[in-house]
Amino acid sequence: MAIGDIMRLALDECCMSHRLDELHAADMWPRVVGDYIAAKTSRPAVRDGIMTVGVPNAAMRQELSMSRSAIMREINRLLGKNIINEIRFTT
């Protein structure tokens, strides 16, 4: 058994694989929204399938809210599984 397999088993037993997936989802943010928006927003926090992103103003919050479903779909597609169930934008 390879070390990677052993680590995956250990993570699964500790229920940490889902948390690791959530961290990977947060890492996808710049790739999905682009460098400009990623630079204007805070790094996403993900907990229990809910991604929370800080935005600088109400206008950007509204604009991103209209793209919420597409952003969520793309993050989950890149991860190959449904990790993000909801995205919240906060000012």
N, C-alpha and C. Protein backbone atom coordinates (compact mmCIF):
# COMPACT_ATOMS: atom_id res chain seq x y z
N MET A 1 0.85 -1.17 0.00
CA MET A 1 0.00 0.00 0.00
C MET A 1 0.90 1.24 0.00
N ALA A 2 0.59 2.17 -0.88
CA ALA A 2 1.37 3.39 -1.00
C ALA A 2 1.05 4.35 0.15
N ILE A 3 1.97 5.26 0.42
CA ILE A 3 1.79 6.22 1.51
C ILE A 3 0.56 7.09 1.29
N GLY A 4 0.29 7.43 0.03
CA GLY A 4 -0.90 8.23 -0.28
C GLY A 4 -2.18 7.51 0.09
N ASP A 5 -2.22 6.20 -0.16
CA ASP A 5 -3.39 5.40 0.20
C ASP A 5 -3.57 5.34 1.70
N ILE A 6 -2.48 5.20 2.41
CA ILE A 6 -2.54 5.15 3.87
C ILE A 6 -3.04 6.48 4.43
N MET A 7 -2.55 7.57 3.85
CA MET A 7 -2.99 8.89 4.32
C MET A 7 -4.48 9.10 4.04
N ARG A 8 -4.96 8.67 2.86
CA ARG A 8 -6.38 8.80 2.53
C ARG A 8 -7.24 8.01 3.52
N LEU A 9 -6.80 6.80 3.84
CA LEU A 9 -7.55 5.99 4.81
C LEU A 9 -7.58 6.67 6.18
N ALA A 10 -6.44 7.21 6.60
CA ALA A 10 -6.39 7.89 7.89
C ALA A 10 -7.30 9.12 7.90
N LEU A 11 -7.29 9.89 6.82
CA LEU A 11 -8.16 11.06 6.73
C LEU A 11 -9.63 10.67 6.76
N ASP A 12 -9.98 9.60 6.04
CA ASP A 12 -11.36 9.13 6.03
C ASP A 12 -11.81 8.67 7.41
N GLU A 13 -10.94 7.99 8.12
CA GLU A 13 -11.29 7.52 9.46
C GLU A 13 -11.47 8.67 10.43
N CYS A 14 -10.74 9.72 10.25
CA CYS A 14 -10.84 10.89 11.14
C CYS A 14 -11.89 11.89 10.65
N CYS A 15 -12.63 11.54 9.60
CA CYS A 15 -13.63 12.43 8.99
C CYS A 15 -13.01 13.74 8.52
N MET A 16 -11.76 13.71 8.12
CA MET A 16 -11.07 14.92 7.69
C MET A 16 -11.10 15.10 6.18
N SER A 17 -11.46 14.10 5.43
CA SER A 17 -11.44 14.23 3.98
C SER A 17 -12.43 15.29 3.50
N HIS A 18 -13.59 15.38 4.15
CA HIS A 18 -14.56 16.40 3.76
C HIS A 18 -14.02 17.80 4.05
N ARG A 19 -13.36 17.96 5.17
CA ARG A 19 -12.76 19.27 5.51
C ARG A 19 -11.68 19.64 4.50
N LEU A 20 -10.90 18.66 4.09
CA LEU A 20 -9.86 18.90 3.09
C LEU A 20 -10.49 19.31 1.76
N ASP A 21 -11.60 18.68 1.39
CA ASP A 21 -12.33 19.08 0.17
C ASP A 21 -12.81 20.52 0.27
N GLU A 22 -13.26 20.93 1.45
CA GLU A 22 -13.71 22.30 1.64
C GLU A 22 -12.56 23.30 1.47
N LEU A 23 -11.38 22.94 1.96
CA LEU A 23 -10.21 23.79 1.78
C LEU A 23 -9.84 23.91 0.30
N HIS A 24 -9.95 22.81 -0.42
CA HIS A 24 -9.68 22.84 -1.86
C HIS A 24 -10.71 23.72 -2.58
N ALA A 25 -11.96 23.68 -2.12
CA ALA A 25 -13.00 24.52 -2.72
C ALA A 25 -12.64 26.00 -2.56
N ALA A 26 -12.16 26.38 -1.39
CA ALA A 26 -11.76 27.77 -1.15
C ALA A 26 -10.61 28.15 -2.08
N ASP A 27 -9.71 27.22 -2.32
CA ASP A 27 -8.58 27.47 -3.21
C ASP A 27 -9.02 27.69 -4.66
N MET A 28 -10.19 27.20 -5.04
CA MET A 28 -10.71 27.33 -6.40
C MET A 28 -11.24 28.73 -6.68
N TRP A 29 -11.50 29.53 -5.65
CA TRP A 29 -12.14 30.83 -5.81
C TRP A 29 -11.47 31.70 -6.90
N PRO A 30 -10.16 31.96 -6.84
CA PRO A 30 -9.54 32.82 -7.87
C PRO A 30 -9.66 32.24 -9.28
N ARG A 31 -9.56 30.95 -9.38
CA ARG A 31 -9.64 30.30 -10.70
C ARG A 31 -11.03 30.46 -11.30
N VAL A 32 -12.04 30.44 -10.45
CA VAL A 32 -13.42 30.51 -10.94
C VAL A 32 -13.86 31.95 -11.20
N VAL A 33 -13.53 32.87 -10.30
CA VAL A 33 -14.02 34.25 -10.46
C VAL A 33 -13.03 35.17 -11.15
N GLY A 34 -11.79 34.73 -11.29
CA GLY A 34 -10.76 35.55 -11.93
C GLY A 34 -9.95 36.33 -10.91
N ASP A 35 -8.77 36.76 -11.35
CA ASP A 35 -7.84 37.45 -10.45
C ASP A 35 -8.37 38.78 -9.94
N TYR A 36 -9.07 39.52 -10.78
CA TYR A 36 -9.54 40.84 -10.39
C TYR A 36 -10.52 40.74 -9.22
N ILE A 37 -11.55 39.92 -9.37
CA ILE A 37 -12.55 39.77 -8.31
C ILE A 37 -11.92 39.11 -7.08
N ALA A 38 -11.07 38.13 -7.29
CA ALA A 38 -10.42 37.47 -6.16
C ALA A 38 -9.59 38.45 -5.34
N ALA A 39 -8.97 39.43 -6.01
CA ALA A 39 -8.17 40.43 -5.30
C ALA A 39 -9.05 41.40 -4.52
N LYS A 40 -10.27 41.61 -4.97
CA LYS A 40 -11.19 42.54 -4.30
C LYS A 40 -11.96 41.89 -3.15
N THR A 41 -11.99 40.58 -3.11
CA THR A 41 -12.75 39.86 -2.08
C THR A 41 -11.80 39.20 -1.09
N SER A 42 -12.36 38.79 0.04
CA SER A 42 -11.55 38.06 1.01
C SER A 42 -11.46 36.60 0.59
N ARG A 43 -10.48 35.90 1.16
CA ARG A 43 -10.37 34.46 0.88
C ARG A 43 -11.61 33.78 1.45
N PRO A 44 -12.25 32.94 0.67
CA PRO A 44 -13.46 32.29 1.16
C PRO A 44 -13.19 31.37 2.35
N ALA A 45 -14.17 31.32 3.22
CA ALA A 45 -14.17 30.34 4.30
C ALA A 45 -15.26 29.34 3.97
N VAL A 46 -14.98 28.07 4.14
CA VAL A 46 -15.98 27.04 3.83
C VAL A 46 -16.17 26.16 5.06
N ARG A 47 -17.42 26.00 5.45
CA ARG A 47 -17.75 25.15 6.59
C ARG A 47 -19.10 24.51 6.34
N ASP A 48 -19.16 23.20 6.44
CA ASP A 48 -20.40 22.45 6.26
C ASP A 48 -21.08 22.75 4.93
N GLY A 49 -20.28 22.91 3.88
CA GLY A 49 -20.82 23.12 2.54
C GLY A 49 -21.21 24.55 2.23
N ILE A 50 -21.01 25.47 3.19
CA ILE A 50 -21.36 26.87 2.98
C ILE A 50 -20.08 27.68 2.81
N MET A 51 -19.96 28.32 1.66
CA MET A 51 -18.82 29.18 1.39
C MET A 51 -19.22 30.62 1.72
N THR A 52 -18.41 31.27 2.53
CA THR A 52 -18.65 32.66 2.90
C THR A 52 -17.51 33.51 2.37
N VAL A 53 -17.87 34.55 1.62
CA VAL A 53 -16.88 35.42 0.98
C VAL A 53 -17.16 36.86 1.36
N GLY A 54 -16.15 37.54 1.85
CA GLY A 54 -16.28 38.96 2.16
C GLY A 54 -16.09 39.78 0.90
N VAL A 55 -16.99 40.74 0.69
CA VAL A 55 -16.91 41.62 -0.48
C VAL A 55 -16.85 43.07 0.01
N PRO A 56 -16.26 43.97 -0.79
CA PRO A 56 -16.03 45.34 -0.30
C PRO A 56 -17.27 46.24 -0.27
N ASN A 57 -18.30 45.91 -1.06
CA ASN A 57 -19.45 46.81 -1.11
C ASN A 57 -20.70 46.07 -1.58
N ALA A 58 -21.83 46.74 -1.42
CA ALA A 58 -23.12 46.14 -1.77
C ALA A 58 -23.25 45.88 -3.27
N ALA A 59 -22.66 46.73 -4.08
CA ALA A 59 -22.76 46.55 -5.53
C ALA A 59 -22.09 45.24 -5.96
N MET A 60 -20.90 44.98 -5.44
CA MET A 60 -20.23 43.73 -5.79
C MET A 60 -20.97 42.53 -5.20
N ARG A 61 -21.50 42.70 -4.00
CA ARG A 61 -22.29 41.61 -3.39
C ARG A 61 -23.46 41.25 -4.29
N GLN A 62 -24.16 42.26 -4.80
CA GLN A 62 -25.31 42.03 -5.67
C GLN A 62 -24.88 41.35 -6.97
N GLU A 63 -23.81 41.84 -7.56
CA GLU A 63 -23.34 41.27 -8.82
C GLU A 63 -22.93 39.80 -8.65
N LEU A 64 -22.18 39.51 -7.60
CA LEU A 64 -21.77 38.12 -7.35
C LEU A 64 -22.96 37.24 -6.98
N SER A 65 -23.94 37.82 -6.29
CA SER A 65 -25.13 37.04 -5.93
C SER A 65 -25.87 36.54 -7.15
N MET A 66 -25.87 37.36 -8.21
CA MET A 66 -26.54 36.95 -9.45
C MET A 66 -25.81 35.80 -10.14
N SER A 67 -24.51 35.65 -9.84
CA SER A 67 -23.71 34.57 -10.45
C SER A 67 -23.48 33.41 -9.49
N ARG A 68 -24.11 33.46 -8.34
CA ARG A 68 -23.89 32.45 -7.29
C ARG A 68 -24.02 31.02 -7.78
N SER A 69 -25.08 30.70 -8.49
CA SER A 69 -25.30 29.31 -8.95
C SER A 69 -24.20 28.86 -9.91
N ALA A 70 -23.82 29.73 -10.83
CA ALA A 70 -22.77 29.38 -11.79
C ALA A 70 -21.43 29.19 -11.08
N ILE A 71 -21.13 30.04 -10.12
CA ILE A 71 -19.87 29.92 -9.37
C ILE A 71 -19.85 28.60 -8.61
N MET A 72 -20.95 28.30 -7.94
CA MET A 72 -21.05 27.06 -7.17
C MET A 72 -20.89 25.83 -8.07
N ARG A 73 -21.57 25.86 -9.19
CA ARG A 73 -21.49 24.74 -10.15
C ARG A 73 -20.06 24.54 -10.63
N GLU A 74 -19.37 25.63 -10.96
CA GLU A 74 -18.01 25.52 -11.49
C GLU A 74 -17.03 25.01 -10.44
N ILE A 75 -17.16 25.49 -9.22
CA ILE A 75 -16.28 24.99 -8.15
C ILE A 75 -16.50 23.49 -7.96
N ASN A 76 -17.74 23.07 -7.86
CA ASN A 76 -18.03 21.65 -7.68
C ASN A 76 -17.56 20.82 -8.87
N ARG A 77 -17.70 21.37 -10.08
CA ARG A 77 -17.24 20.66 -11.27
C ARG A 77 -15.72 20.47 -11.22
N LEU A 78 -15.00 21.52 -10.87
CA LEU A 78 -13.54 21.41 -10.78
C LEU A 78 -13.10 20.41 -9.72
N LEU A 79 -13.85 20.33 -8.65
CA LEU A 79 -13.52 19.38 -7.58
C LEU A 79 -13.96 17.95 -7.90
N GLY A 80 -14.88 17.82 -8.82
CA GLY A 80 -15.38 16.50 -9.19
C GLY A 80 -16.40 15.94 -8.22
N LYS A 81 -16.91 16.78 -7.33
CA LYS A 81 -17.94 16.36 -6.38
C LYS A 81 -18.64 17.59 -5.82
N ASN A 82 -19.81 17.38 -5.26
CA ASN A 82 -20.59 18.49 -4.70
C ASN A 82 -20.13 18.78 -3.27
N ILE A 83 -19.33 19.80 -3.14
CA ILE A 83 -18.81 20.22 -1.84
C ILE A 83 -19.53 21.49 -1.38
N ILE A 84 -19.75 22.41 -2.30
CA ILE A 84 -20.38 23.69 -1.98
C ILE A 84 -21.87 23.61 -2.26
N ASN A 85 -22.70 23.87 -1.21
CA ASN A 85 -24.15 23.84 -1.34
C ASN A 85 -24.75 25.24 -1.34
N GLU A 86 -23.96 26.20 -0.82
CA GLU A 86 -24.47 27.56 -0.69
C GLU A 86 -23.26 28.51 -0.67
N ILE A 87 -23.46 29.71 -1.21
CA ILE A 87 -22.44 30.75 -1.13
C ILE A 87 -23.09 31.98 -0.54
N ARG A 88 -22.44 32.54 0.49
CA ARG A 88 -22.91 33.76 1.14
C ARG A 88 -21.87 34.85 0.93
N PHE A 89 -22.36 36.03 0.56
CA PHE A 89 -21.47 37.18 0.38
C PHE A 89 -21.77 38.18 1.50
N THR A 90 -20.71 38.60 2.19
CA THR A 90 -20.86 39.52 3.30
C THR A 90 -20.07 40.81 3.05
N THR A 91 -20.60 41.92 3.56
CA THR A 91 -19.88 43.19 3.43
C THR A 91 -19.37 43.63 4.79
